[in-house]
């Protein structure tokens, strides 16, 4: 996943030569699925159940914690309390191309 170096002021982040649209809206669906929409209009569903209980995602075993997800406008992605977030490039690949997580 690409490293991010900062906002461009256009609803995108720049990483080396890659432009990543920001997550602008998201909501929890059933289970561990998240509906997401990006600044460029791409939207889709991310099923992140495969990450539950792995490393930093151990906290998601408590679904009430998972349900505290919010859009972090500064990072341009979805996040949870305590600094937990998902890489927007992975979410974008899932929404645009239907690739399952984790990949």
N, C-alpha and C. Protein backbone atom coordinates (compact mmCIF):
# COMPACT_ATOMS: atom_id res chain seq x y z
N UNK A 1 0.83 -1.17 0.00
CA UNK A 1 0.00 0.00 0.00
C UNK A 1 0.88 1.24 0.00
N UNK A 2 0.48 2.24 -0.72
CA UNK A 2 1.29 3.42 -0.90
C UNK A 2 1.34 4.27 0.36
N UNK A 3 2.49 4.87 0.59
CA UNK A 3 2.62 5.84 1.67
C UNK A 3 1.99 7.15 1.22
N UNK A 4 1.44 7.87 2.18
CA UNK A 4 0.77 9.12 1.83
C UNK A 4 1.58 10.29 2.35
N UNK A 5 1.64 11.35 1.57
CA UNK A 5 2.47 12.47 1.96
C UNK A 5 1.71 13.76 2.20
N UNK A 6 0.40 13.78 2.07
CA UNK A 6 -0.33 15.00 2.39
C UNK A 6 -1.44 15.30 1.42
N UNK A 7 -2.32 16.20 1.86
CA UNK A 7 -3.46 16.59 1.04
C UNK A 7 -3.06 17.52 -0.09
N UNK A 8 -3.81 17.45 -1.18
CA UNK A 8 -3.55 18.32 -2.32
C UNK A 8 -4.51 19.50 -2.36
N UNK A 9 -5.54 19.47 -1.52
CA UNK A 9 -6.54 20.53 -1.55
C UNK A 9 -7.66 20.23 -2.54
N UNK A 10 -7.63 19.06 -3.17
CA UNK A 10 -8.65 18.70 -4.16
C UNK A 10 -9.45 17.49 -3.75
N UNK A 11 -9.39 17.14 -2.45
CA UNK A 11 -10.07 15.93 -2.01
C UNK A 11 -9.27 14.69 -2.32
N UNK A 12 -7.98 14.86 -2.53
CA UNK A 12 -7.11 13.74 -2.83
C UNK A 12 -5.84 13.86 -2.01
N UNK A 13 -5.18 12.74 -1.80
CA UNK A 13 -3.88 12.70 -1.17
C UNK A 13 -2.87 12.28 -2.23
N UNK A 14 -1.66 12.77 -2.12
CA UNK A 14 -0.59 12.39 -3.05
C UNK A 14 0.37 11.45 -2.35
N UNK A 15 0.74 10.40 -3.02
CA UNK A 15 1.75 9.47 -2.52
C UNK A 15 2.65 9.12 -3.69
N UNK A 16 3.87 9.59 -3.62
CA UNK A 16 4.81 9.39 -4.73
C UNK A 16 4.13 9.87 -6.00
N UNK A 17 3.70 8.96 -6.87
CA UNK A 17 3.06 9.34 -8.12
C UNK A 17 1.60 8.92 -8.17
N UNK A 18 1.04 8.52 -7.02
CA UNK A 18 -0.31 8.00 -6.96
C UNK A 18 -1.23 9.03 -6.32
N UNK A 19 -2.37 9.26 -6.92
CA UNK A 19 -3.37 10.17 -6.38
C UNK A 19 -4.51 9.34 -5.80
N UNK A 20 -4.79 9.52 -4.52
CA UNK A 20 -5.80 8.72 -3.84
C UNK A 20 -6.99 9.59 -3.46
N UNK A 21 -8.17 9.33 -4.00
CA UNK A 21 -9.35 10.10 -3.60
C UNK A 21 -9.69 9.83 -2.14
N UNK A 22 -10.11 10.86 -1.46
CA UNK A 22 -10.51 10.75 -0.06
C UNK A 22 -11.84 10.02 0.09
N UNK A 23 -12.00 9.32 1.20
CA UNK A 23 -13.31 8.80 1.60
C UNK A 23 -14.10 10.01 2.09
N UNK A 24 -15.29 10.23 1.53
CA UNK A 24 -16.10 11.38 1.93
C UNK A 24 -17.34 10.98 2.71
N UNK A 25 -17.73 9.72 2.62
CA UNK A 25 -18.90 9.24 3.34
C UNK A 25 -18.75 7.75 3.55
N UNK A 26 -19.21 7.28 4.70
CA UNK A 26 -19.15 5.84 4.99
C UNK A 26 -20.18 5.51 6.06
N UNK A 27 -20.66 4.28 6.01
CA UNK A 27 -21.56 3.82 7.07
C UNK A 27 -21.44 2.30 7.21
N UNK A 28 -21.65 1.85 8.43
CA UNK A 28 -21.60 0.43 8.74
C UNK A 28 -22.87 -0.22 8.21
N UNK A 29 -22.70 -1.36 7.55
CA UNK A 29 -23.82 -2.17 7.11
C UNK A 29 -23.92 -3.36 8.07
N UNK A 30 -24.38 -4.49 7.62
CA UNK A 30 -24.47 -5.67 8.48
C UNK A 30 -23.09 -6.30 8.67
N UNK A 31 -22.92 -7.01 9.77
CA UNK A 31 -21.66 -7.68 10.04
C UNK A 31 -20.50 -6.71 10.07
N UNK A 32 -19.49 -7.01 9.28
CA UNK A 32 -18.30 -6.17 9.19
C UNK A 32 -18.15 -5.59 7.79
N UNK A 33 -19.25 -5.13 7.26
CA UNK A 33 -19.26 -4.51 5.93
C UNK A 33 -19.45 -3.01 6.09
N UNK A 34 -18.72 -2.27 5.25
CA UNK A 34 -18.76 -0.81 5.28
C UNK A 34 -19.08 -0.30 3.89
N UNK A 35 -20.13 0.50 3.76
CA UNK A 35 -20.40 1.19 2.50
C UNK A 35 -19.55 2.46 2.51
N UNK A 36 -18.83 2.71 1.40
CA UNK A 36 -17.96 3.88 1.32
C UNK A 36 -18.15 4.61 0.00
N UNK A 37 -17.99 5.94 0.05
CA UNK A 37 -18.00 6.77 -1.16
C UNK A 37 -16.77 7.66 -1.12
N UNK A 38 -16.13 7.78 -2.29
CA UNK A 38 -14.91 8.56 -2.43
C UNK A 38 -15.20 9.90 -3.10
N UNK A 39 -14.27 10.82 -2.98
CA UNK A 39 -14.42 12.17 -3.54
C UNK A 39 -14.62 12.15 -5.04
N UNK A 40 -14.15 11.13 -5.74
CA UNK A 40 -14.32 11.07 -7.19
C UNK A 40 -15.63 10.39 -7.61
N UNK A 41 -16.49 10.05 -6.63
CA UNK A 41 -17.79 9.46 -6.92
C UNK A 41 -17.83 7.94 -6.88
N UNK A 42 -16.68 7.28 -6.85
CA UNK A 42 -16.66 5.82 -6.74
C UNK A 42 -17.22 5.43 -5.37
N UNK A 43 -18.08 4.41 -5.37
CA UNK A 43 -18.61 3.91 -4.11
C UNK A 43 -18.70 2.40 -4.17
N UNK A 44 -18.73 1.80 -3.02
CA UNK A 44 -18.80 0.35 -2.95
C UNK A 44 -18.86 -0.13 -1.52
N UNK A 45 -18.84 -1.44 -1.37
CA UNK A 45 -18.93 -2.06 -0.05
C UNK A 45 -17.63 -2.80 0.23
N UNK A 46 -17.06 -2.53 1.40
CA UNK A 46 -15.86 -3.21 1.85
C UNK A 46 -16.25 -4.20 2.93
N UNK A 47 -16.02 -5.48 2.68
CA UNK A 47 -16.25 -6.50 3.69
C UNK A 47 -14.90 -6.75 4.36
N UNK A 48 -14.76 -6.28 5.59
CA UNK A 48 -13.49 -6.36 6.30
C UNK A 48 -13.50 -7.45 7.38
N UNK A 49 -14.44 -8.37 7.29
CA UNK A 49 -14.55 -9.44 8.29
C UNK A 49 -13.25 -10.24 8.41
N UNK A 50 -12.52 -10.38 7.32
CA UNK A 50 -11.27 -11.13 7.33
C UNK A 50 -10.17 -10.50 8.17
N UNK A 51 -10.34 -9.24 8.54
CA UNK A 51 -9.34 -8.55 9.35
C UNK A 51 -9.63 -8.65 10.84
N UNK A 52 -10.86 -8.99 11.21
CA UNK A 52 -11.28 -9.02 12.61
C UNK A 52 -10.38 -9.96 13.41
N UNK A 53 -9.84 -9.43 14.50
CA UNK A 53 -9.01 -10.22 15.40
C UNK A 53 -7.55 -10.32 15.00
N UNK A 54 -7.16 -9.71 13.89
CA UNK A 54 -5.76 -9.77 13.42
C UNK A 54 -5.02 -8.50 13.81
N UNK A 55 -3.99 -8.65 14.61
CA UNK A 55 -3.15 -7.50 14.99
C UNK A 55 -3.95 -6.37 15.60
N UNK A 56 -3.80 -5.18 15.02
CA UNK A 56 -4.48 -4.00 15.56
C UNK A 56 -6.00 -4.10 15.44
N UNK A 57 -6.47 -5.02 14.61
CA UNK A 57 -7.92 -5.18 14.43
C UNK A 57 -8.54 -6.12 15.46
N UNK A 58 -7.79 -6.51 16.47
CA UNK A 58 -8.32 -7.30 17.59
C UNK A 58 -9.49 -6.57 18.24
N UNK A 59 -9.41 -5.26 18.30
CA UNK A 59 -10.46 -4.45 18.94
C UNK A 59 -11.82 -4.64 18.26
N UNK A 60 -11.82 -5.03 16.99
CA UNK A 60 -13.08 -5.20 16.26
C UNK A 60 -13.88 -6.42 16.73
N UNK A 61 -13.26 -7.31 17.52
CA UNK A 61 -14.02 -8.45 18.05
C UNK A 61 -15.23 -7.94 18.83
N UNK A 62 -15.07 -6.77 19.42
CA UNK A 62 -16.19 -6.10 20.08
C UNK A 62 -16.90 -5.27 19.01
N UNK A 63 -18.01 -5.81 18.49
CA UNK A 63 -18.69 -5.14 17.38
C UNK A 63 -19.15 -3.73 17.73
N UNK A 64 -19.41 -3.47 19.01
CA UNK A 64 -19.81 -2.12 19.39
C UNK A 64 -18.65 -1.14 19.16
N UNK A 65 -17.41 -1.60 19.29
CA UNK A 65 -16.26 -0.76 18.95
C UNK A 65 -16.20 -0.54 17.44
N UNK A 66 -16.36 -1.61 16.67
CA UNK A 66 -16.36 -1.50 15.21
C UNK A 66 -17.40 -0.48 14.74
N UNK A 67 -18.55 -0.48 15.40
CA UNK A 67 -19.65 0.41 15.02
C UNK A 67 -19.35 1.88 15.31
N UNK A 68 -18.26 2.17 16.00
CA UNK A 68 -17.86 3.56 16.29
C UNK A 68 -17.04 4.18 15.16
N UNK A 69 -17.01 3.55 14.01
CA UNK A 69 -16.29 4.04 12.84
C UNK A 69 -16.77 5.44 12.46
N UNK A 70 -15.85 6.24 11.97
CA UNK A 70 -16.16 7.57 11.46
C UNK A 70 -15.23 7.89 10.29
N UNK A 71 -15.58 8.92 9.51
CA UNK A 71 -14.72 9.38 8.43
C UNK A 71 -13.78 10.43 9.01
N UNK A 72 -12.49 10.17 8.89
CA UNK A 72 -11.47 11.12 9.34
C UNK A 72 -11.08 11.96 8.13
N UNK A 73 -11.58 13.20 8.09
CA UNK A 73 -11.35 14.06 6.94
C UNK A 73 -9.88 14.41 6.76
N UNK A 74 -9.12 14.47 7.84
CA UNK A 74 -7.70 14.78 7.73
C UNK A 74 -6.93 13.65 7.06
N UNK A 75 -7.28 12.40 7.40
CA UNK A 75 -6.63 11.24 6.80
C UNK A 75 -7.24 10.84 5.47
N UNK A 76 -8.49 11.23 5.24
CA UNK A 76 -9.18 10.86 4.00
C UNK A 76 -9.62 9.42 3.97
N UNK A 77 -9.91 8.85 5.15
CA UNK A 77 -10.32 7.44 5.21
C UNK A 77 -11.22 7.21 6.42
N UNK A 78 -11.64 5.97 6.61
CA UNK A 78 -12.42 5.62 7.78
C UNK A 78 -11.49 5.31 8.94
N UNK A 79 -11.97 5.60 10.16
CA UNK A 79 -11.13 5.44 11.35
C UNK A 79 -11.99 5.06 12.54
N UNK A 80 -11.30 4.68 13.61
CA UNK A 80 -11.92 4.32 14.88
C UNK A 80 -11.16 5.01 15.99
N UNK A 81 -11.76 5.12 17.16
CA UNK A 81 -11.06 5.74 18.30
C UNK A 81 -9.73 5.03 18.56
N UNK A 82 -8.77 5.81 19.04
CA UNK A 82 -7.46 5.26 19.37
C UNK A 82 -6.49 5.24 18.21
N UNK A 83 -6.83 5.88 17.10
CA UNK A 83 -5.91 5.99 15.97
C UNK A 83 -5.94 4.83 14.99
N UNK A 84 -6.95 3.98 15.07
CA UNK A 84 -7.07 2.85 14.15
C UNK A 84 -7.76 3.32 12.87
N UNK A 85 -7.17 3.00 11.71
CA UNK A 85 -7.79 3.36 10.43
C UNK A 85 -7.47 2.32 9.38
N UNK A 86 -8.13 2.42 8.25
CA UNK A 86 -7.89 1.54 7.11
C UNK A 86 -7.25 2.33 5.98
N UNK A 87 -6.32 1.72 5.30
CA UNK A 87 -5.65 2.37 4.18
C UNK A 87 -6.66 2.69 3.08
N UNK A 88 -6.76 3.95 2.68
CA UNK A 88 -7.73 4.31 1.65
C UNK A 88 -7.46 3.67 0.30
N UNK A 89 -6.20 3.37 -0.02
CA UNK A 89 -5.91 2.73 -1.30
C UNK A 89 -6.51 1.33 -1.34
N UNK A 90 -6.47 0.60 -0.23
CA UNK A 90 -7.08 -0.73 -0.17
C UNK A 90 -8.60 -0.63 -0.29
N UNK A 91 -9.18 0.34 0.39
CA UNK A 91 -10.63 0.53 0.30
C UNK A 91 -11.04 0.91 -1.13
N UNK A 92 -10.23 1.74 -1.78
CA UNK A 92 -10.55 2.16 -3.14
C UNK A 92 -10.49 0.97 -4.10
N UNK A 93 -9.47 0.14 -3.97
CA UNK A 93 -9.37 -1.05 -4.82
C UNK A 93 -10.59 -1.94 -4.65
N UNK A 94 -11.03 -2.08 -3.42
CA UNK A 94 -12.20 -2.90 -3.15
C UNK A 94 -13.45 -2.30 -3.80
N UNK A 95 -13.66 -1.01 -3.61
CA UNK A 95 -14.85 -0.35 -4.15
C UNK A 95 -14.83 -0.30 -5.67
N UNK A 96 -13.68 -0.01 -6.25
CA UNK A 96 -13.59 0.16 -7.70
C UNK A 96 -13.47 -1.16 -8.46
N UNK A 97 -12.82 -2.16 -7.82
CA UNK A 97 -12.51 -3.40 -8.54
C UNK A 97 -13.05 -4.65 -7.87
N UNK A 98 -13.67 -4.50 -6.71
CA UNK A 98 -14.26 -5.65 -6.03
C UNK A 98 -13.26 -6.63 -5.44
N UNK A 99 -12.02 -6.20 -5.22
CA UNK A 99 -11.02 -7.09 -4.63
C UNK A 99 -11.33 -7.26 -3.15
N UNK A 100 -11.32 -8.49 -2.66
CA UNK A 100 -11.61 -8.72 -1.24
C UNK A 100 -10.46 -8.31 -0.34
N UNK A 101 -10.78 -7.97 0.89
CA UNK A 101 -9.78 -7.67 1.91
C UNK A 101 -9.65 -8.86 2.83
N UNK A 102 -8.51 -9.16 3.38
CA UNK A 102 -7.24 -8.53 3.02
C UNK A 102 -6.69 -9.13 1.73
N UNK A 103 -5.89 -8.35 1.03
CA UNK A 103 -5.24 -8.84 -0.20
C UNK A 103 -3.78 -8.52 -0.17
